[in-house]
Amino acid sequence: MKEKEKEEHLTLKWGTLKSWDFGEWANPLFEEYSKIGSCVSAISQNDTTRQKEIICELIDGGNFKEVYLDWDGEYVSKKEAKEYVMGYSNQILNS
């Protein structure tokens, strides 16, 4: 099985990364994400615009059709997942 054919997954919580399984293709994105800075706890993470873009690149490139939103306990489309990530800080401010 080629690397890209491997089934991958992504779980988001509080608008950021919670758990994932990606092939080596994603390593440069994770390295860039980490260099910008991250917290051990997803609730404490305050992603920059670039980090949100990286998460969206992972969503687009991932070998899966849906992303799991841990807090909501549901799977959403890639499009909905990207909207969730990019708009998350606004969700908190408008709650």
PDB file of N, CA and C in Angstrom:
ATOM      1  N   MET A   1       0.841  -1.175   0.000  1.00  0.00           N
ATOM      2  CA  MET A   1       0.000   0.000   0.000  1.00  0.00           C
ATOM      3  C   MET A   1       0.890   1.243   0.000  1.00  0.00           C
ATOM      4  N   LYS A   2       0.655   2.145  -0.921  1.00  0.00           N
ATOM      5  CA  LYS A   2       1.400   3.394  -0.975  1.00  0.00           C
ATOM      6  C   LYS A   2       1.002   4.265   0.202  1.00  0.00           C
ATOM      7  N   GLU A   3       1.939   5.130   0.606  1.00  0.00           N
ATOM      8  CA  GLU A   3       1.688   5.963   1.780  1.00  0.00           C
ATOM      9  C   GLU A   3       0.388   6.740   1.677  1.00  0.00           C
ATOM     10  N   LYS A   4       0.113   7.379   0.546  1.00  0.00           N
ATOM     11  CA  LYS A   4      -1.073   8.216   0.400  1.00  0.00           C
ATOM     12  C   LYS A   4      -2.353   7.393   0.445  1.00  0.00           C
ATOM     13  N   GLU A   5      -2.269   6.090   0.188  1.00  0.00           N
ATOM     14  CA  GLU A   5      -3.450   5.237   0.231  1.00  0.00           C
ATOM     15  C   GLU A   5      -3.816   4.843   1.655  1.00  0.00           C
ATOM     16  N   LYS A   6      -2.876   4.996   2.584  1.00  0.00           N
ATOM     17  CA  LYS A   6      -3.139   4.669   3.985  1.00  0.00           C
ATOM     18  C   LYS A   6      -4.256   5.566   4.505  1.00  0.00           C
ATOM     19  N   GLU A   7      -5.196   4.966   5.217  1.00  0.00           N
ATOM     20  CA  GLU A   7      -6.265   5.774   5.798  1.00  0.00           C
ATOM     21  C   GLU A   7      -5.696   6.601   6.944  1.00  0.00           C
ATOM     22  N   GLU A   8      -5.996   7.862   6.918  1.00  0.00           N
ATOM     23  CA  GLU A   8      -5.516   8.799   7.919  1.00  0.00           C
ATOM     24  C   GLU A   8      -6.718   9.325   8.694  1.00  0.00           C
ATOM     25  N   HIS A   9      -6.461  10.016   9.795  1.00  0.00           N
ATOM     26  CA  HIS A   9      -7.576  10.613  10.521  1.00  0.00           C
ATOM     27  C   HIS A   9      -7.124  11.887  11.214  1.00  0.00           C
ATOM     28  N   LEU A  10      -8.100  12.713  11.533  1.00  0.00           N
ATOM     29  CA  LEU A  10      -7.857  13.960  12.246  1.00  0.00           C
ATOM     30  C   LEU A  10      -9.026  14.218  13.182  1.00  0.00           C
ATOM     31  N   THR A  11      -8.693  14.536  14.432  1.00  0.00           N
ATOM     32  CA  THR A  11      -9.689  14.931  15.420  1.00  0.00           C
ATOM     33  C   THR A  11      -9.352  16.339  15.879  1.00  0.00           C
ATOM     34  N   LEU A  12     -10.361  17.198  15.905  1.00  0.00           N
ATOM     35  CA  LEU A  12     -10.203  18.576  16.346  1.00  0.00           C
ATOM     36  C   LEU A  12     -10.977  18.787  17.639  1.00  0.00           C
ATOM     37  N   LYS A  13     -10.474  19.690  18.473  1.00  0.00           N
ATOM     38  CA  LYS A  13     -11.179  20.070  19.692  1.00  0.00           C
ATOM     39  C   LYS A  13     -10.795  21.502  20.008  1.00  0.00           C
ATOM     40  N   TRP A  14     -11.765  22.298  20.401  1.00  0.00           N
ATOM     41  CA  TRP A  14     -11.562  23.718  20.691  1.00  0.00           C
ATOM     42  C   TRP A  14     -10.876  24.434  19.528  1.00  0.00           C
ATOM     43  N   GLY A  15     -11.226  24.061  18.310  1.00  0.00           N
ATOM     44  CA  GLY A  15     -10.726  24.730  17.123  1.00  0.00           C
ATOM     45  C   GLY A  15      -9.318  24.382  16.710  1.00  0.00           C
ATOM     46  N   THR A  16      -8.713  23.374  17.352  1.00  0.00           N
ATOM     47  CA  THR A  16      -7.327  23.038  17.031  1.00  0.00           C
ATOM     48  C   THR A  16      -7.123  21.525  16.998  1.00  0.00           C
ATOM     49  N   LEU A  17      -5.889  21.116  16.793  1.00  0.00           N
ATOM     50  CA  LEU A  17      -5.538  19.706  16.719  1.00  0.00           C
ATOM     51  C   LEU A  17      -5.712  19.018  18.063  1.00  0.00           C
ATOM     52  N   LYS A  18      -6.325  17.833  18.032  1.00  0.00           N
ATOM     53  CA  LYS A  18      -6.400  17.011  19.237  1.00  0.00           C
ATOM     54  C   LYS A  18      -5.657  15.697  19.027  1.00  0.00           C
ATOM     55  N   SER A  19      -6.022  14.963  17.978  1.00  0.00           N
ATOM     56  CA  SER A  19      -5.311  13.726  17.652  1.00  0.00           C
ATOM     57  C   SER A  19      -5.322  13.542  16.141  1.00  0.00           C
ATOM     58  N   TRP A  20      -4.354  12.775  15.652  1.00  0.00           N
ATOM     59  CA  TRP A  20      -4.223  12.604  14.216  1.00  0.00           C
ATOM     60  C   TRP A  20      -3.366  11.393  13.904  1.00  0.00           C
ATOM     61  N   ASP A  21      -3.467  10.955  12.671  1.00  0.00           N
ATOM     62  CA  ASP A  21      -2.605   9.918  12.119  1.00  0.00           C
ATOM     63  C   ASP A  21      -2.434  10.249  10.646  1.00  0.00           C
ATOM     64  N   PHE A  22      -1.263  10.743  10.293  1.00  0.00           N
ATOM     65  CA  PHE A  22      -0.947  11.126   8.916  1.00  0.00           C
ATOM     66  C   PHE A  22       0.320  10.414   8.474  1.00  0.00           C
ATOM     67  N   GLY A  23       0.479  10.298   7.172  1.00  0.00           N
ATOM     68  CA  GLY A  23       1.709   9.764   6.607  1.00  0.00           C
ATOM     69  C   GLY A  23       2.822  10.810   6.658  1.00  0.00           C
ATOM     70  N   GLU A  24       3.972  10.417   6.179  1.00  0.00           N
ATOM     71  CA  GLU A  24       5.153  11.292   6.215  1.00  0.00           C
ATOM     72  C   GLU A  24       4.972  12.585   5.430  1.00  0.00           C
ATOM     73  N   TRP A  25       4.060  12.608   4.479  1.00  0.00           N
ATOM     74  CA  TRP A  25       3.849  13.807   3.672  1.00  0.00           C
ATOM     75  C   TRP A  25       3.510  15.013   4.553  1.00  0.00           C
ATOM     76  N   ALA A  26       2.908  14.766   5.719  1.00  0.00           N
ATOM     77  CA  ALA A  26       2.451  15.846   6.588  1.00  0.00           C
ATOM     78  C   ALA A  26       3.538  16.354   7.545  1.00  0.00           C
ATOM     79  N   ASN A  27       4.669  15.660   7.644  1.00  0.00           N
ATOM     80  CA  ASN A  27       5.712  16.047   8.593  1.00  0.00           C
ATOM     81  C   ASN A  27       6.169  17.493   8.461  1.00  0.00           C
ATOM     82  N   PRO A  28       6.413  18.005   7.246  1.00  0.00           N
ATOM     83  CA  PRO A  28       6.832  19.409   7.150  1.00  0.00           C
ATOM     84  C   PRO A  28       5.781  20.381   7.698  1.00  0.00           C
ATOM     85  N   LEU A  29       4.509  20.060   7.530  1.00  0.00           N
ATOM     86  CA  LEU A  29       3.447  20.917   8.066  1.00  0.00           C
ATOM     87  C   LEU A  29       3.444  20.885   9.592  1.00  0.00           C
ATOM     88  N   PHE A  30       3.596  19.695  10.166  1.00  0.00           N
ATOM     89  CA  PHE A  30       3.635  19.583  11.626  1.00  0.00           C
ATOM     90  C   PHE A  30       4.871  20.281  12.198  1.00  0.00           C
ATOM     91  N   GLU A  31       5.992  20.193  11.489  1.00  0.00           N
ATOM     92  CA  GLU A  31       7.212  20.873  11.943  1.00  0.00           C
ATOM     93  C   GLU A  31       7.007  22.384  11.955  1.00  0.00           C
ATOM     94  N   GLU A  32       6.416  22.917  10.888  1.00  0.00           N
ATOM     95  CA  GLU A  32       6.154  24.349  10.831  1.00  0.00           C
ATOM     96  C   GLU A  32       5.179  24.762  11.939  1.00  0.00           C
ATOM     97  N   TYR A  33       4.140  23.981  12.124  1.00  0.00           N
ATOM     98  CA  TYR A  33       3.151  24.256  13.172  1.00  0.00           C
ATOM     99  C   TYR A  33       3.844  24.329  14.536  1.00  0.00           C
ATOM    100  N   SER A  34       4.699  23.354  14.821  1.00  0.00           N
ATOM    101  CA  SER A  34       5.384  23.290  16.120  1.00  0.00           C
ATOM    102  C   SER A  34       6.359  24.446  16.312  1.00  0.00           C
ATOM    103  N   LYS A  35       7.053  24.838  15.254  1.00  0.00           N
ATOM    104  CA  LYS A  35       8.005  25.949  15.359  1.00  0.00           C
ATOM    105  C   LYS A  35       7.308  27.248  15.740  1.00  0.00           C
ATOM    106  N   ILE A  36       6.079  27.420  15.302  1.00  0.00           N
ATOM    107  CA  ILE A  36       5.321  28.625  15.643  1.00  0.00           C
ATOM    108  C   ILE A  36       4.998  28.607  17.137  1.00  0.00           C
ATOM    109  N   GLY A  37       4.775  27.421  17.672  1.00  0.00           N
ATOM    110  CA  GLY A  37       4.503  27.272  19.099  1.00  0.00           C
ATOM    111  C   GLY A  37       3.164  26.619  19.354  1.00  0.00           C
ATOM    112  N   SER A  38       3.151  25.713  20.330  1.00  0.00           N
ATOM    113  CA  SER A  38       1.895  25.060  20.685  1.00  0.00           C
ATOM    114  C   SER A  38       1.912  24.663  22.152  1.00  0.00           C
ATOM    115  N   CYS A  39       0.729  24.447  22.683  1.00  0.00           N
ATOM    116  CA  CYS A  39       0.540  24.033  24.078  1.00  0.00           C
ATOM    117  C   CYS A  39       0.257  22.542  24.122  1.00  0.00           C
ATOM    118  N   VAL A  40       0.522  21.947  25.261  1.00  0.00           N
ATOM    119  CA  VAL A  40       0.225  20.528  25.447  1.00  0.00           C
ATOM    120  C   VAL A  40      -1.283  20.297  25.437  1.00  0.00           C
ATOM    121  N   SER A  41      -2.035  21.248  25.939  1.00  0.00           N
ATOM    122  CA  SER A  41      -3.484  21.130  26.049  1.00  0.00           C
ATOM    123  C   SER A  41      -4.175  21.884  24.918  1.00  0.00           C
ATOM    124  N   ALA A  42      -5.110  21.223  24.253  1.00  0.00           N
ATOM    125  CA  ALA A  42      -5.832  21.862  23.150  1.00  0.00           C
ATOM    126  C   ALA A  42      -6.617  23.081  23.622  1.00  0.00           C
ATOM    127  N   ILE A  43      -7.150  23.040  24.838  1.00  0.00           N
ATOM    128  CA  ILE A  43      -7.947  24.162  25.325  1.00  0.00           C
ATOM    129  C   ILE A  43      -7.091  25.414  25.516  1.00  0.00           C
ATOM    130  N   SER A  44      -5.803  25.239  25.772  1.00  0.00           N
ATOM    131  CA  SER A  44      -4.901  26.375  25.988  1.00  0.00           C
ATOM    132  C   SER A  44      -4.266  26.876  24.690  1.00  0.00           C
ATOM    133  N   GLN A  45      -4.408  26.128  23.617  1.00  0.00           N
ATOM    134  CA  GLN A  45      -3.778  26.497  22.354  1.00  0.00           C
ATOM    135  C   GLN A  45      -4.480  27.702  21.745  1.00  0.00           C
ATOM    136  N   ASN A  46      -3.706  28.665  21.332  1.00  0.00           N
ATOM    137  CA  ASN A  46      -4.232  29.851  20.651  1.00  0.00           C
ATOM    138  C   ASN A  46      -3.534  29.929  19.294  1.00  0.00           C
ATOM    139  N   ASP A  47      -4.089  29.221  18.310  1.00  0.00           N
ATOM    140  CA  ASP A  47      -3.454  29.136  16.994  1.00  0.00           C
ATOM    141  C   ASP A  47      -3.369  30.484  16.311  1.00  0.00           C
ATOM    142  N   THR A  48      -2.234  30.700  15.652  1.00  0.00           N
ATOM    143  CA  THR A  48      -2.071  31.872  14.804  1.00  0.00           C
ATOM    144  C   THR A  48      -2.829  31.620  13.504  1.00  0.00           C
ATOM    145  N   THR A  49      -2.951  32.650  12.700  1.00  0.00           N
ATOM    146  CA  THR A  49      -3.596  32.480  11.395  1.00  0.00           C
ATOM    147  C   THR A  49      -2.852  31.433  10.575  1.00  0.00           C
ATOM    148  N   ARG A  50      -1.518  31.451  10.613  1.00  0.00           N
ATOM    149  CA  ARG A  50      -0.743  30.472   9.846  1.00  0.00           C
ATOM    150  C   ARG A  50      -0.978  29.061  10.367  1.00  0.00           C
ATOM    151  N   GLN A  51      -1.063  28.891  11.673  1.00  0.00           N
ATOM    152  CA  GLN A  51      -1.337  27.560  12.207  1.00  0.00           C
ATOM    153  C   GLN A  51      -2.711  27.063  11.767  1.00  0.00           C
ATOM    154  N   LYS A  52      -3.683  27.947  11.728  1.00  0.00           N
ATOM    155  CA  LYS A  52      -5.004  27.560  11.232  1.00  0.00           C
ATOM    156  C   LYS A  52      -4.933  27.154   9.760  1.00  0.00           C
ATOM    157  N   GLU A  53      -4.130  27.879   8.982  1.00  0.00           N
ATOM    158  CA  GLU A  53      -3.939  27.527   7.566  1.00  0.00           C
ATOM    159  C   GLU A  53      -3.290  26.155   7.441  1.00  0.00           C
ATOM    160  N   ILE A  54      -2.322  25.858   8.307  1.00  0.00           N
ATOM    161  CA  ILE A  54      -1.665  24.547   8.281  1.00  0.00           C
ATOM    162  C   ILE A  54      -2.680  23.448   8.579  1.00  0.00           C
ATOM    163  N   ILE A  55      -3.528  23.659   9.575  1.00  0.00           N
ATOM    164  CA  ILE A  55      -4.562  22.660   9.885  1.00  0.00           C
ATOM    165  C   ILE A  55      -5.461  22.447   8.670  1.00  0.00           C
ATOM    166  N   CYS A  56      -5.803  23.522   7.981  1.00  0.00           N
ATOM    167  CA  CYS A  56      -6.637  23.400   6.777  1.00  0.00           C
ATOM    168  C   CYS A  56      -5.903  22.647   5.674  1.00  0.00           C
ATOM    169  N   GLU A  57      -4.593  22.837   5.551  1.00  0.00           N
ATOM    170  CA  GLU A  57      -3.809  22.084   4.569  1.00  0.00           C
ATOM    171  C   GLU A  57      -3.804  20.598   4.924  1.00  0.00           C
ATOM    172  N   LEU A  58      -3.722  20.296   6.207  1.00  0.00           N
ATOM    173  CA  LEU A  58      -3.798  18.896   6.644  1.00  0.00           C
ATOM    174  C   LEU A  58      -5.172  18.310   6.321  1.00  0.00           C
ATOM    175  N   ILE A  59      -6.204  19.085   6.553  1.00  0.00           N
ATOM    176  CA  ILE A  59      -7.562  18.634   6.234  1.00  0.00           C
ATOM    177  C   ILE A  59      -7.685  18.355   4.742  1.00  0.00           C
ATOM    178  N   ASP A  60      -7.229  19.298   3.916  1.00  0.00           N
ATOM    179  CA  ASP A  60      -7.311  19.126   2.465  1.00  0.00           C
ATOM    180  C   ASP A  60      -6.506  17.921   1.984  1.00  0.00           C
ATOM    181  N   GLY A  61      -5.315  17.725   2.539  1.00  0.00           N
ATOM    182  CA  GLY A  61      -4.418  16.671   2.069  1.00  0.00           C
ATOM    183  C   GLY A  61      -4.674  15.307   2.675  1.00  0.00           C
ATOM    184  N   GLY A  62      -5.441  15.263   3.754  1.00  0.00           N
ATOM    185  CA  GLY A  62      -5.665  14.005   4.459  1.00  0.00           C
ATOM    186  C   GLY A  62      -6.466  12.989   3.675  1.00  0.00           C
ATOM    187  N   ASN A  63      -6.104  11.737   3.822  1.00  0.00           N
ATOM    188  CA  ASN A  63      -6.801  10.635   3.161  1.00  0.00           C
ATOM    189  C   ASN A  63      -7.988  10.205   4.035  1.00  0.00           C
ATOM    190  N   PHE A  64      -8.981  11.071   4.086  1.00  0.00           N
ATOM    191  CA  PHE A  64     -10.219  10.824   4.808  1.00  0.00           C
ATOM    192  C   PHE A  64     -11.281  11.739   4.222  1.00  0.00           C
ATOM    193  N   LYS A  65     -12.527  11.409   4.448  1.00  0.00           N
ATOM    194  CA  LYS A  65     -13.631  12.219   3.922  1.00  0.00           C
ATOM    195  C   LYS A  65     -14.204  13.140   4.982  1.00  0.00           C
ATOM    196  N   GLU A  66     -14.051  12.755   6.257  1.00  0.00           N
ATOM    197  CA  GLU A  66     -14.636  13.538   7.339  1.00  0.00           C
ATOM    198  C   GLU A  66     -13.630  13.731   8.470  1.00  0.00           C
ATOM    199  N   VAL A  67     -13.866  14.762   9.247  1.00  0.00           N
ATOM    200  CA  VAL A  67     -13.038  15.098  10.404  1.00  0.00           C
ATOM    201  C   VAL A  67     -13.914  14.979  11.645  1.00  0.00           C
ATOM    202  N   TYR A  68     -13.352  14.440  12.712  1.00  0.00           N
ATOM    203  CA  TYR A  68     -14.108  14.266  13.948  1.00  0.00           C
ATOM    204  C   TYR A  68     -13.936  15.490  14.842  1.00  0.00           C
ATOM    205  N   LEU A  69     -15.047  16.073  15.282  1.00  0.00           N
ATOM    206  CA  LEU A  69     -15.038  17.181  16.239  1.00  0.00           C
ATOM    207  C   LEU A  69     -15.325  16.578  17.607  1.00  0.00           C
ATOM    208  N   ASP A  70     -14.286  16.507  18.428  1.00  0.00           N
ATOM    209  CA  ASP A  70     -14.374  15.798  19.696  1.00  0.00           C
ATOM    210  C   ASP A  70     -15.400  16.409  20.645  1.00  0.00           C
ATOM    211  N   TRP A  71     -15.393  17.721  20.772  1.00  0.00           N
ATOM    212  CA  TRP A  71     -16.315  18.362  21.721  1.00  0.00           C
ATOM    213  C   TRP A  71     -17.772  18.121  21.325  1.00  0.00           C
ATOM    214  N   ASP A  72     -18.041  18.172  20.024  1.00  0.00           N
ATOM    215  CA  ASP A  72     -19.407  17.978  19.533  1.00  0.00           C
ATOM    216  C   ASP A  72     -19.776  16.503  19.378  1.00  0.00           C
ATOM    217  N   GLY A  73     -18.772  15.641  19.339  1.00  0.00           N
ATOM    218  CA  GLY A  73     -19.028  14.209  19.183  1.00  0.00           C
ATOM    219  C   GLY A  73     -19.611  13.858  17.834  1.00  0.00           C
ATOM    220  N   GLU A  74     -19.141  14.544  16.780  1.00  0.00           N
ATOM    221  CA  GLU A  74     -19.683  14.262  15.450  1.00  0.00           C
ATOM    222  C   GLU A  74     -18.625  14.414  14.374  1.00  0.00           C
ATOM    223  N   TYR A  75     -18.883  13.757  13.257  1.00  0.00           N
ATOM    224  CA  TYR A  75     -18.025  13.884  12.082  1.00  0.00           C
ATOM    225  C   TYR A  75     -18.605  14.968  11.181  1.00  0.00           C
ATOM    226  N   VAL A  76     -17.716  15.756  10.589  1.00  0.00           N
ATOM    227  CA  VAL A  76     -18.138  16.802   9.664  1.00  0.00           C
ATOM    228  C   VAL A  76     -17.321  16.689   8.383  1.00  0.00           C
ATOM    229  N   SER A  77     -17.818  17.313   7.329  1.00  0.00           N
ATOM    230  CA  SER A  77     -17.111  17.314   6.052  1.00  0.00           C
ATOM    231  C   SER A  77     -15.815  18.117   6.180  1.00  0.00           C
ATOM    232  N   LYS A  78     -14.942  17.940   5.214  1.00  0.00           N
ATOM    233  CA  LYS A  78     -13.695  18.713   5.208  1.00  0.00           C
ATOM    234  C   LYS A  78     -13.998  20.210   5.155  1.00  0.00           C
ATOM    235  N   LYS A  79     -14.968  20.586   4.356  1.00  0.00           N
ATOM    236  CA  LYS A  79     -15.328  22.004   4.243  1.00  0.00           C
ATOM    237  C   LYS A  79     -15.789  22.551   5.595  1.00  0.00           C
ATOM    238  N   GLU A  80     -16.658  21.811   6.269  1.00  0.00           N
ATOM    239  CA  GLU A  80     -17.148  22.250   7.583  1.00  0.00           C
ATOM    240  C   GLU A  80     -16.018  22.306   8.611  1.00  0.00           C
ATOM    241  N   ALA A  81     -15.092  21.365   8.528  1.00  0.00           N
ATOM    242  CA  ALA A  81     -13.963  21.339   9.456  1.00  0.00           C
ATOM    243  C   ALA A  81     -13.079  22.571   9.268  1.00  0.00           C
ATOM    244  N   LYS A  82     -12.845  22.950   8.022  1.00  0.00           N
ATOM    245  CA  LYS A  82     -12.025  24.141   7.761  1.00  0.00           C
ATOM    246  C   LYS A  82     -12.732  25.404   8.236  1.00  0.00           C
ATOM    247  N   GLU A  83     -14.022  25.479   8.046  1.00  0.00           N
ATOM    248  CA  GLU A  83     -14.791  26.630   8.542  1.00  0.00           C
ATOM    249  C   GLU A  83     -14.730  26.694  10.067  1.00  0.00           C
ATOM    250  N   TYR A  84     -14.809  25.536  10.706  1.00  0.00           N
ATOM    251  CA  TYR A  84     -14.714  25.442  12.164  1.00  0.00           C
ATOM    252  C   TYR A  84     -13.359  25.966  12.644  1.00  0.00           C
ATOM    253  N   VAL A  85     -12.286  25.512  12.015  1.00  0.00           N
ATOM    254  CA  VAL A  85     -10.935  25.935  12.414  1.00  0.00           C
ATOM    255  C   VAL A  85     -10.746  27.429  12.196  1.00  0.00           C
ATOM    256  N   MET A  86     -11.085  27.913  11.014  1.00  0.00           N
ATOM    257  CA  MET A  86     -10.822  29.320  10.688  1.00  0.00           C
ATOM    258  C   MET A  86     -11.712  30.274  11.484  1.00  0.00           C
ATOM    259  N   GLY A  87     -12.881  29.816  11.889  1.00  0.00           N
ATOM    260  CA  GLY A  87     -13.800  30.705  12.595  1.00  0.00           C
ATOM    261  C   GLY A  87     -13.858  30.473  14.093  1.00  0.00           C
ATOM    262  N   TYR A  88     -13.015  29.621  14.631  1.00  0.00           N
ATOM    263  CA  TYR A  88     -13.168  29.233  16.025  1.00  0.00           C
ATOM    264  C   TYR A  88     -13.047  30.403  17.002  1.00  0.00           C
ATOM    265  N   SER A  89     -12.055  31.255  16.874  1.00  0.00           N
ATOM    266  CA  SER A  89     -11.912  32.351  17.835  1.00  0.00           C
ATOM    267  C   SER A  89     -13.145  33.250  17.826  1.00  0.00           C
ATOM    268  N   ASN A  90     -13.753  33.410  16.665  1.00  0.00           N
ATOM    269  CA  ASN A  90     -14.978  34.190  16.566  1.00  0.00           C
ATOM    270  C   ASN A  90     -16.119  33.492  17.298  1.00  0.00           C
ATOM    271  N   GLN A  91     -16.157  32.173  17.281  1.00  0.00           N
ATOM    272  CA  GLN A  91     -17.190  31.433  17.994  1.00  0.00           C
ATOM    273  C   GLN A  91     -17.083  31.711  19.489  1.00  0.00           C
ATOM    274  N   ILE A  92     -15.885  31.724  20.010  1.00  0.00           N
ATOM    275  CA  ILE A  92     -15.680  31.965  21.443  1.00  0.00           C
ATOM    276  C   ILE A  92     -16.107  33.388  21.796  1.00  0.00           C
ATOM    277  N   LEU A  93     -15.700  34.355  20.986  1.00  0.00           N
ATOM    278  CA  LEU A  93     -16.003  35.755  21.271  1.00  0.00           C
ATOM    279  C   LEU A  93     -17.492  36.039  21.177  1.00  0.00           C
ATOM    280  N   ASN A  94     -18.194  35.309  20.301  1.00  0.00           N
ATOM    281  CA  ASN A  94     -19.610  35.565  20.088  1.00  0.00           C
ATOM    282  C   ASN A  94     -20.513  34.701  20.962  1.00  0.00           C
ATOM    283  N   SER A  95     -19.939  33.863  21.813  1.00  0.00           N
ATOM    284  CA  SER A  95     -20.739  32.977  22.677  1.00  0.00           C
ATOM    285  C   SER A  95     -21.301  33.739  23.862  1.00  0.00           C
TER     286      SER A  95
END
